[in-house]
Amino acid sequence: MRSATLLLAAGLSAVLAAAAGCAPTDDDTAAPAAPAGTGSAAACAPAQLKTVAAGKLTVGTDDPVYPPWFSDNKPDNGQGFEAAVAYAVAEKLGYTKDQVAWTRVTFNNAIAPGPKTFDFDINEFSITDERRKAVDFSSPYYDVTQTVIALKSSKIAGAKTLADLKGAKLGAQVGTTSYRSITEVVKPTAQPSVYNNNDDAKKALQNGQIDGLVVDLPTAFYITGAEITDAVIVGQLPQTSGTPEQFGLVLDKGSTLTGCVSGAVDALRTDGTLKRLQEQWLSATQGAPTLG
């Protein structure tokens, strides 16, 4: 890995110096401006950052975590899109791989109010105004859509429209925008089921306890392609609002690191790293129909 000096000189300084500017996301969607307080490159050097552990960058994620975001439930191996993004952010900030420590935090606890045991958490957290009341978010690193999957034998396997899902029993992980998409976009007549994690949700789908499961699009492709091969992608759901749903890194509310972390994400977008990692780890997640 390049040294902290080279990293900061090569990419981060220009982005952090223009902290209030907006950069295009990977699909040319305008990203929101980085949070106020983004500092200079010197202010974002490891020696200046007030991290959980001195000289280390502590990154949180759930347990378990799943492909294509991570591999083998081992975030420290750097395999999978989000693991790779985490290490790329660390590198932009001047940390080597052996200076990155991982800690496990459940999805709900990560976005709950209160002090954090991590410097930032990466776990497919969609940026929402409601969550911003409790935590900080970095600039977005990925645009996402929510997707319905079902067993091939399910009554909704051939659904073409949202109306076809009205009578379906759907499920999703607790606290996620997947669940919110069910209640705000599909609005089924049956109360949605909620699960602590996607493993429990997948078991419910396989056991016929729900007609369909809502997850993000890359996860949908992985589940139907590698885990539940008798399941199919029914279709993508429209956005819950006029702006695209985007994933961001989660930080403690008012964290002094937020500006620097956002600057690193912006630098990764500008230099093409996010696009390259997306092509490397998420290239297969294309072409699913959208339910109208």
Protein backbone atom coordinates (compact mmCIF):
# COMPACT_ATOMS: atom_id res chain seq x y z
CA MET A 1 0.00 0.00 0.00
CA ARG A 2 1.14 3.54 -0.62
CA SER A 3 2.28 5.61 2.35
CA ALA A 4 -0.04 8.04 4.11
CA THR A 5 1.91 10.97 2.64
CA LEU A 6 1.52 9.75 -0.93
CA LEU A 7 -2.12 8.88 -0.43
CA LEU A 8 -3.02 12.25 0.93
CA ALA A 9 -0.99 14.09 -1.69
CA ALA A 10 -2.29 11.98 -4.58
CA GLY A 11 -6.00 12.09 -4.10
CA LEU A 12 -7.45 13.31 -0.88
CA SER A 13 -6.13 16.86 -0.64
CA ALA A 14 -7.87 18.16 -3.75
CA VAL A 15 -11.18 16.69 -2.74
CA LEU A 16 -11.04 17.76 0.86
CA ALA A 17 -10.03 21.29 -0.10
CA ALA A 18 -13.29 21.53 -2.03
CA ALA A 19 -15.38 20.08 0.77
CA ALA A 20 -18.62 21.82 -0.11
CA GLY A 21 -18.61 20.66 -3.72
CA CYS A 22 -20.69 17.86 -5.16
CA ALA A 23 -19.30 15.05 -7.28
CA PRO A 24 -21.20 12.68 -9.56
CA THR A 25 -21.96 9.19 -8.31
CA ASP A 26 -20.99 6.16 -10.37
CA ASP A 27 -24.12 6.43 -12.48
CA ASP A 28 -23.83 10.21 -12.81
CA THR A 29 -26.46 10.88 -10.14
CA ALA A 30 -25.49 13.99 -8.22
CA ALA A 31 -24.23 13.20 -4.74
CA PRO A 32 -25.08 15.45 -1.79
CA ALA A 33 -22.38 17.79 -0.60
CA ALA A 34 -20.00 16.46 2.01
CA PRO A 35 -20.99 17.35 5.57
CA ALA A 36 -19.85 20.65 7.00
CA GLY A 37 -16.57 20.46 8.82
CA THR A 38 -14.60 18.61 6.15
CA GLY A 39 -11.00 19.54 6.86
CA SER A 40 -7.78 19.90 4.95
CA ALA A 41 -5.60 16.95 4.00
CA ALA A 42 -3.30 17.68 6.92
CA ALA A 43 -6.23 17.70 9.35
CA CYS A 44 -7.29 14.28 8.02
CA ALA A 45 -3.92 12.59 8.50
CA PRO A 46 -4.01 9.62 10.91
CA ALA A 47 -1.99 11.50 13.52
CA GLN A 48 -4.71 14.15 13.67
CA LEU A 49 -7.77 11.87 13.71
CA LYS A 50 -9.45 11.09 17.01
CA THR A 51 -10.23 7.44 16.43
CA VAL A 52 -11.61 4.84 18.85
CA ALA A 53 -8.15 3.27 19.14
CA ALA A 54 -5.06 5.42 18.67
CA GLY A 55 -3.24 4.66 15.43
CA LYS A 56 -6.05 2.36 14.26
CA LEU A 57 -9.20 2.79 12.19
CA THR A 58 -12.01 0.70 13.69
CA VAL A 59 -14.65 -0.36 11.16
CA GLY A 60 -17.96 -1.88 12.22
CA THR A 61 -20.24 -4.29 10.40
CA ASP A 62 -22.90 -6.88 11.22
CA ASP A 63 -22.51 -10.58 12.05
CA PRO A 64 -23.11 -12.37 9.79
CA VAL A 65 -22.43 -10.42 6.61
CA TYR A 66 -23.17 -11.69 3.14
CA PRO A 67 -21.90 -11.72 -0.45
CA PRO A 68 -21.54 -9.80 -2.66
CA TRP A 69 -20.83 -7.22 0.05
CA PHE A 70 -18.43 -9.47 1.97
CA SER A 71 -17.02 -12.97 1.54
CA ASP A 72 -17.13 -15.94 3.95
CA ASN A 73 -18.36 -13.64 6.76
CA LYS A 74 -14.76 -12.40 7.08
CA PRO A 75 -14.68 -8.63 6.50
CA ASP A 76 -10.96 -8.47 7.22
CA ASN A 77 -10.15 -10.46 4.06
CA GLY A 78 -11.07 -7.45 1.93
CA GLN A 79 -13.22 -9.56 -0.38
CA GLY A 80 -16.62 -8.25 -1.46
CA PHE A 81 -17.74 -4.75 -2.43
CA GLU A 82 -18.18 -3.23 1.02
CA ALA A 83 -15.06 -4.83 2.48
CA ALA A 84 -13.09 -3.43 -0.46
CA VAL A 85 -14.70 0.01 -0.04
CA ALA A 86 -13.82 0.06 3.67
CA TYR A 87 -10.17 -0.67 2.97
CA ALA A 88 -10.11 1.85 0.13
CA VAL A 89 -11.46 4.56 2.47
CA ALA A 90 -8.86 3.58 5.07
CA GLU A 91 -6.11 3.83 2.47
CA LYS A 92 -7.26 7.28 1.35
CA LEU A 93 -7.08 8.37 4.98
CA GLY A 94 -3.54 7.02 5.27
CA TYR A 95 -4.11 3.74 7.11
CA THR A 96 -2.51 0.48 6.00
CA LYS A 97 -4.51 -2.73 6.01
CA ASP A 98 -2.95 -3.90 9.26
CA GLN A 99 -4.04 -0.64 10.89
CA VAL A 100 -7.71 -1.46 10.23
CA ALA A 101 -9.56 -3.25 13.03
CA TRP A 102 -13.05 -4.73 12.58
CA THR A 103 -15.78 -4.92 15.20
CA ARG A 104 -19.20 -6.55 14.98
CA VAL A 105 -22.29 -4.43 15.63
CA THR A 106 -25.88 -5.38 14.82
CA PHE A 107 -27.64 -3.31 12.17
CA ASN A 108 -30.08 -1.69 14.59
CA ASN A 109 -27.45 -0.89 17.22
CA ALA A 110 -25.21 0.76 14.65
CA ILE A 111 -27.86 3.35 13.76
CA ALA A 112 -29.21 3.80 17.29
CA PRO A 113 -28.41 6.99 19.25
CA GLY A 114 -25.42 6.91 21.56
CA PRO A 115 -21.62 6.54 21.50
CA LYS A 116 -20.18 4.06 19.01
CA THR A 117 -17.53 1.36 19.30
CA PHE A 118 -16.43 2.05 15.71
CA ASP A 119 -15.05 4.94 13.71
CA PHE A 120 -17.41 4.14 10.85
CA ASP A 121 -19.73 1.24 10.07
CA ILE A 122 -20.41 -0.23 6.64
CA ASN A 123 -23.42 -2.51 6.28
CA GLU A 124 -25.71 -1.39 3.42
CA PHE A 125 -27.03 1.55 5.43
CA SER A 126 -29.39 3.64 3.33
CA ILE A 127 -29.11 7.36 4.03
CA THR A 128 -32.41 8.68 5.40
CA ASP A 129 -33.48 11.87 7.17
CA GLU A 130 -34.85 9.82 10.05
CA ARG A 131 -31.53 8.07 10.64
CA ARG A 132 -29.65 11.35 10.40
CA LYS A 133 -31.30 12.34 13.67
CA ALA A 134 -29.26 9.66 15.46
CA VAL A 135 -26.08 9.23 13.40
CA ASP A 136 -23.88 10.89 10.80
CA PHE A 137 -23.52 9.58 7.26
CA SER A 138 -20.63 9.93 4.88
CA SER A 139 -21.09 10.89 1.26
CA PRO A 140 -22.85 8.03 -0.57
CA TYR A 141 -20.76 5.24 -2.04
CA TYR A 142 -23.50 3.26 -3.84
CA ASP A 143 -26.94 3.82 -5.42
CA VAL A 144 -29.32 0.94 -4.74
CA THR A 145 -32.80 -0.35 -5.48
CA GLN A 146 -34.92 -2.74 -3.42
CA THR A 147 -35.97 -6.00 -5.03
CA VAL A 148 -38.54 -8.75 -4.43
CA ILE A 149 -37.51 -12.39 -4.67
CA ALA A 150 -39.79 -15.42 -4.40
CA LEU A 151 -39.69 -19.16 -4.81
CA LYS A 152 -40.46 -20.30 -8.36
CA SER A 153 -43.56 -21.99 -6.97
CA SER A 154 -44.82 -18.83 -5.25
CA LYS A 155 -48.05 -17.18 -6.32
CA ILE A 156 -46.12 -13.94 -6.94
CA ALA A 157 -43.25 -15.44 -8.98
CA GLY A 158 -44.77 -14.07 -12.17
CA ALA A 159 -45.84 -10.69 -10.79
CA LYS A 160 -45.44 -7.78 -13.21
CA THR A 161 -46.89 -4.86 -11.25
CA LEU A 162 -47.14 -3.61 -7.68
CA ALA A 163 -50.82 -4.47 -7.78
CA ASP A 164 -49.84 -8.13 -8.23
CA LEU A 165 -48.14 -7.98 -4.81
CA LYS A 166 -51.03 -6.48 -2.86
CA GLY A 167 -52.21 -9.81 -1.47
CA ALA A 168 -48.73 -11.19 -0.82
CA LYS A 169 -47.12 -11.93 2.53
CA LEU A 170 -43.74 -10.19 2.30
CA GLY A 171 -40.80 -10.06 4.68
CA ALA A 172 -37.56 -8.16 5.28
CA GLN A 173 -34.84 -7.58 7.86
CA VAL A 174 -35.76 -5.35 10.78
CA GLY A 175 -34.92 -1.66 10.57
CA THR A 176 -34.03 -1.71 6.88
CA THR A 177 -35.23 0.30 3.91
CA SER A 178 -36.23 -3.07 2.46
CA TYR A 179 -38.94 -3.21 5.10
CA ARG A 180 -39.85 0.43 4.48
CA SER A 181 -40.24 -0.30 0.78
CA ILE A 182 -42.83 -2.93 1.64
CA THR A 183 -44.88 -0.59 3.81
CA GLU A 184 -44.49 2.57 1.72
CA VAL A 185 -44.26 1.29 -1.86
CA VAL A 186 -46.01 -2.09 -2.05
CA LYS A 187 -48.48 -1.48 0.78
CA PRO A 188 -49.73 -5.09 0.91
CA THR A 189 -52.95 -6.02 2.66
CA ALA A 190 -51.09 -8.55 4.84
CA GLN A 191 -48.84 -7.32 7.65
CA PRO A 192 -45.18 -7.77 6.58
CA SER A 193 -42.97 -10.13 8.52
CA VAL A 194 -39.78 -8.80 10.07
CA TYR A 195 -36.59 -10.74 10.81
CA ASN A 196 -33.43 -10.11 12.83
CA ASN A 197 -31.20 -10.89 9.86
CA ASN A 198 -31.34 -12.14 6.29
CA ASP A 199 -30.53 -15.72 7.31
CA ASP A 200 -33.80 -15.89 9.25
CA ALA A 201 -35.65 -14.19 6.40
CA LYS A 202 -34.29 -16.63 3.83
CA LYS A 203 -35.35 -19.59 5.96
CA ALA A 204 -38.86 -18.15 6.18
CA LEU A 205 -38.97 -17.85 2.40
CA GLN A 206 -37.77 -21.43 1.92
CA ASN A 207 -40.28 -22.73 4.47
CA GLY A 208 -43.18 -20.97 2.77
CA GLN A 209 -43.86 -18.64 5.70
CA ILE A 210 -43.71 -15.66 3.35
CA ASP A 211 -44.50 -15.31 -0.34
CA GLY A 212 -41.63 -12.97 -1.07
CA LEU A 213 -38.53 -11.44 0.48
CA VAL A 214 -37.36 -7.86 -0.13
CA VAL A 215 -33.61 -7.21 -0.25
CA ASP A 216 -31.30 -4.89 -2.19
CA LEU A 217 -30.64 -5.83 -5.81
CA PRO A 218 -27.08 -7.26 -5.50
CA THR A 219 -28.18 -9.41 -2.56
CA ALA A 220 -31.18 -10.59 -4.57
CA PHE A 221 -28.92 -11.76 -7.38
CA TYR A 222 -26.66 -13.59 -4.95
CA ILE A 223 -29.50 -15.31 -3.09
CA THR A 224 -31.23 -16.52 -6.24
CA GLY A 225 -27.99 -17.47 -7.99
CA ALA A 226 -26.06 -19.19 -5.20
CA GLU A 227 -28.15 -19.80 -2.10
CA ILE A 228 -31.78 -20.53 -3.00
CA THR A 229 -31.59 -21.75 -6.58
CA ASP A 230 -35.33 -22.46 -6.75
CA ALA A 231 -35.99 -18.76 -6.14
CA VAL A 232 -36.33 -16.00 -8.74
CA ILE A 233 -36.11 -12.24 -8.87
CA VAL A 234 -39.68 -10.96 -9.22
CA GLY A 235 -38.61 -7.37 -9.88
CA GLN A 236 -37.19 -4.13 -8.56
CA LEU A 237 -39.36 -1.76 -6.57
CA PRO A 238 -39.69 1.95 -7.40
CA GLN A 239 -37.91 4.39 -5.10
CA THR A 240 -39.77 5.49 -1.98
CA SER A 241 -39.16 9.10 -2.98
CA GLY A 242 -37.97 11.12 -5.95
CA THR A 243 -34.29 10.83 -4.97
CA PRO A 244 -32.28 7.63 -5.40
CA GLU A 245 -31.68 5.43 -2.39
CA GLN A 246 -27.99 5.53 -1.51
CA PHE A 247 -25.72 3.71 0.91
CA GLY A 248 -23.43 5.70 3.22
CA LEU A 249 -20.95 4.93 5.96
CA VAL A 250 -22.38 5.43 9.46
CA LEU A 251 -20.54 7.50 12.06
CA ASP A 252 -21.33 8.74 15.55
CA LYS A 253 -23.60 11.79 15.57
CA GLY A 254 -21.40 14.87 15.32
CA SER A 255 -18.26 12.80 14.79
CA THR A 256 -15.09 14.77 14.09
CA LEU A 257 -14.28 12.11 11.49
CA THR A 258 -17.35 12.65 9.30
CA GLY A 259 -15.84 15.32 7.07
CA CYS A 260 -12.62 13.39 6.52
CA VAL A 261 -14.41 10.12 5.80
CA SER A 262 -16.76 11.88 3.35
CA GLY A 263 -13.75 13.44 1.67
CA ALA A 264 -12.18 10.01 1.26
CA VAL A 265 -15.39 8.61 -0.28
CA ASP A 266 -15.59 11.59 -2.63
CA ALA A 267 -11.96 11.01 -3.66
CA LEU A 268 -12.71 7.36 -4.41
CA ARG A 269 -15.60 8.42 -6.61
CA THR A 270 -13.53 11.04 -8.40
CA ASP A 271 -10.58 8.77 -9.15
CA GLY A 272 -12.84 5.94 -10.38
CA THR A 273 -12.17 3.51 -7.53
CA LEU A 274 -15.84 3.13 -6.57
CA LYS A 275 -16.78 2.39 -10.17
CA ARG A 276 -13.97 -0.14 -10.50
CA LEU A 277 -14.95 -1.93 -7.28
CA GLN A 278 -18.59 -1.94 -8.34
CA GLU A 279 -17.65 -3.55 -11.65
CA GLN A 280 -15.45 -6.07 -9.86
CA TRP A 281 -17.92 -7.19 -7.21
CA LEU A 282 -21.39 -6.22 -8.45
CA SER A 283 -21.12 -6.59 -12.23
CA ALA A 284 -23.60 -9.46 -12.34
CA THR A 285 -26.38 -7.44 -10.72
CA GLN A 286 -27.92 -5.95 -13.82
CA GLY A 287 -31.08 -6.37 -15.85
CA ALA A 288 -33.81 -7.10 -13.31
CA PRO A 289 -37.27 -5.83 -14.36
CA THR A 290 -38.94 -2.98 -12.48
CA LEU A 291 -42.41 -3.48 -11.09
CA GLY A 292 -44.68 -0.65 -12.19
